[in-house]
Structure formats: C-alpha cells, structure tokens
C-alpha atoms as a PDB file:
ATOM      1  CA  MET A   1       5.164 -10.681  18.146  1.00  0.00           C
ATOM      2  CA  ILE A   2       6.536 -11.616  14.718  1.00  0.00           C
ATOM      3  CA  THR A   3       4.121 -11.242  11.820  1.00  0.00           C
ATOM      4  CA  LYS A   4       4.533 -13.787   9.027  1.00  0.00           C
ATOM      5  CA  LEU A   5       4.246 -12.171   5.607  1.00  0.00           C
ATOM      6  CA  THR A   6       3.857 -13.605   2.137  1.00  0.00           C
ATOM      7  CA  LYS A   7       6.382 -12.668  -0.553  1.00  0.00           C
ATOM      8  CA  VAL A   8       3.784 -10.368  -2.123  1.00  0.00           C
ATOM      9  CA  GLN A   9       3.046  -8.617   1.176  1.00  0.00           C
ATOM     10  CA  GLN A  10       6.765  -8.133   1.833  1.00  0.00           C
ATOM     11  CA  ASP A  11       7.241  -6.754  -1.699  1.00  0.00           C
ATOM     12  CA  VAL A  12       4.484  -4.180  -1.094  1.00  0.00           C
ATOM     13  CA  LEU A  13       6.061  -3.070   2.208  1.00  0.00           C
ATOM     14  CA  ASP A  14       9.546  -2.901   0.647  1.00  0.00           C
ATOM     15  CA  LYS A  15       8.287  -0.753  -2.211  1.00  0.00           C
ATOM     16  CA  MET A  16       6.426   1.538   0.180  1.00  0.00           C
ATOM     17  CA  ASN A  17       9.706   1.938   2.102  1.00  0.00           C
ATOM     18  CA  ASP A  18      11.355   2.900  -1.208  1.00  0.00           C
ATOM     19  CA  GLY A  19       8.893   5.717  -1.927  1.00  0.00           C
ATOM     20  CA  TRP A  20       6.080   3.901  -3.722  1.00  0.00           C
ATOM     21  CA  GLU A  21       2.576   4.930  -2.667  1.00  0.00           C
ATOM     22  CA  LEU A  22      -0.279   2.475  -2.154  1.00  0.00           C
ATOM     23  CA  GLY A  23      -3.845   3.452  -2.946  1.00  0.00           C
ATOM     24  CA  CYS A  24      -7.196   1.886  -3.746  1.00  0.00           C
ATOM     25  CA  TYR A  25      -9.677   3.395  -6.169  1.00  0.00           C
ATOM     26  CA  ILE A  26     -13.391   2.670  -5.992  1.00  0.00           C
ATOM     27  CA  ASN A  27     -13.738   1.326  -9.530  1.00  0.00           C
ATOM     28  CA  SER A  28     -10.247   0.193 -10.506  1.00  0.00           C
ATOM     29  CA  GLY A  29      -8.710  -1.681  -7.576  1.00  0.00           C
ATOM     30  CA  CYS A  30      -5.458  -1.100  -5.732  1.00  0.00           C
ATOM     31  CA  ASN A  31      -2.099   0.052  -7.081  1.00  0.00           C
ATOM     32  CA  LEU A  32       1.381   0.881  -5.952  1.00  0.00           C
ATOM     33  CA  GLN A  33       2.928   3.789  -7.837  1.00  0.00           C
ATOM     34  CA  LYS A  34       6.557   4.845  -7.737  1.00  0.00           C
ATOM     35  CA  GLY A  35       6.921   8.423  -6.558  1.00  0.00           C
ATOM     36  CA  GLY A  36       3.277   8.708  -5.470  1.00  0.00           C
ATOM     37  CA  LEU A  37      -0.177   8.101  -6.866  1.00  0.00           C
ATOM     38  CA  GLY A  38      -0.984  10.145  -9.956  1.00  0.00           C
ATOM     39  CA  ARG A  39       2.609  11.232 -10.504  1.00  0.00           C
ATOM     40  CA  GLY A  40       3.269   9.162 -13.619  1.00  0.00           C
ATOM     41  CA  GLY A  41       5.728   6.662 -12.164  1.00  0.00           C
ATOM     42  CA  GLN A  42       5.790   2.924 -12.699  1.00  0.00           C
ATOM     43  CA  THR A  43       2.713   1.129 -11.335  1.00  0.00           C
ATOM     44  CA  GLN A  44       2.031  -2.317  -9.941  1.00  0.00           C
ATOM     45  CA  ARG A  45      -1.397  -3.847  -9.263  1.00  0.00           C
ATOM     46  CA  VAL A  46      -2.022  -5.090  -5.731  1.00  0.00           C
ATOM     47  CA  SER A  47      -4.925  -7.312  -4.754  1.00  0.00           C
ATOM     48  CA  HIS A  48      -7.472  -5.980  -2.312  1.00  0.00           C
ATOM     49  CA  ALA A  49      -6.828  -9.106  -0.210  1.00  0.00           C
ATOM     50  CA  THR A  50      -3.151  -8.127   0.162  1.00  0.00           C
ATOM     51  CA  VAL A  51      -4.055  -4.589   1.229  1.00  0.00           C
ATOM     52  CA  THR A  52      -6.674  -5.872   3.685  1.00  0.00           C
ATOM     53  CA  SER A  53      -4.220  -8.338   5.205  1.00  0.00           C
ATOM     54  CA  LEU A  54      -1.521  -5.673   5.719  1.00  0.00           C
ATOM     55  CA  TYR A  55      -4.140  -3.370   7.232  1.00  0.00           C
ATOM     56  CA  GLN A  56      -5.429  -6.069   9.603  1.00  0.00           C
ATOM     57  CA  LYS A  57      -1.855  -6.848  10.675  1.00  0.00           C
ATOM     58  CA  HIS A  58      -1.490  -3.149  11.633  1.00  0.00           C
ATOM     59  CA  LEU A  59       1.398  -2.606   9.213  1.00  0.00           C
ATOM     60  CA  ILE A  60      -0.346   0.104   7.175  1.00  0.00           C
ATOM     61  CA  ARG A  61      -3.059   2.628   7.958  1.00  0.00           C
ATOM     62  CA  ARG A  62      -5.680   4.320   5.810  1.00  0.00           C
ATOM     63  CA  VAL A  63      -5.501   7.966   4.839  1.00  0.00           C
ATOM     64  CA  ASP A  64      -8.893   8.810   3.424  1.00  0.00           C
ATOM     65  CA  GLY A  65      -8.853  10.784   0.245  1.00  0.00           C
ATOM     66  CA  PHE A  66     -10.445  11.246  -3.129  1.00  0.00           C
ATOM     67  CA  PRO A  67     -10.329   9.712  -5.683  1.00  0.00           C
ATOM     68  CA  ALA A  68      -8.229   7.096  -3.862  1.00  0.00           C
ATOM     69  CA  VAL A  69      -7.920   5.851  -0.318  1.00  0.00           C
ATOM     70  CA  ARG A  70      -4.201   5.983   0.366  1.00  0.00           C
ATOM     71  CA  TYR A  71      -2.231   3.827   2.766  1.00  0.00           C
ATOM     72  CA  VAL A  72       0.959   4.642   4.688  1.00  0.00           C
ATOM     73  CA  LEU A  73       3.348   2.494   6.663  1.00  0.00           C
ATOM     74  CA  ILE A  74       2.639   2.675  10.366  1.00  0.00           C
ATOM     75  CA  GLU A  75       6.296   2.117  11.262  1.00  0.00           C
ATOM     76  CA  ALA A  76       7.322   5.100   9.107  1.00  0.00           C
ATOM     77  CA  GLU A  77       5.274   7.400  11.346  1.00  0.00           C
ATOM     78  CA  LYS A  78       7.136   6.488  14.564  1.00  0.00           C
END
C-alpha cells in the first residue's frame, strides 16, 4: 500500500533519514534537531498534527523518554 504524504511530512522523514532527530516536549511542542535533540544543531518546528499523522501511518514509532518523547523511523529499524 502506498501512503500519500504531504510535502511537510516528506520533509520530516527526509531529515530524519539524514540524521535529524524528532522529539516532542510537554510544554514546548515538537522539533527536529540536526545531530540529535539537545546537541545544539539546527532546529525546525514540527506541528503535533504532522507527528501524529506520521505515527498513525506507521512511519515512525515513539521512544519514551524525558524530557522529550522521541520518534524514530520504523523503516530504519528493519
């Protein structure tokens, strides 16, 4: 089955493939960060709706953590 993605969703997946890490913080929303969360790299805001959609399409999975819930690509784990 082919999953149709928006340009924003595809951009998030492409950046995650390039080493950016996706995480959501309780009080400050979701971010992609180059090189990993909290490592000082470039950041990009991501809407919670985008993260939820990618999660519901089974393209990313949650990795519970504190202070952020992190997400990884499911395909990268195969």
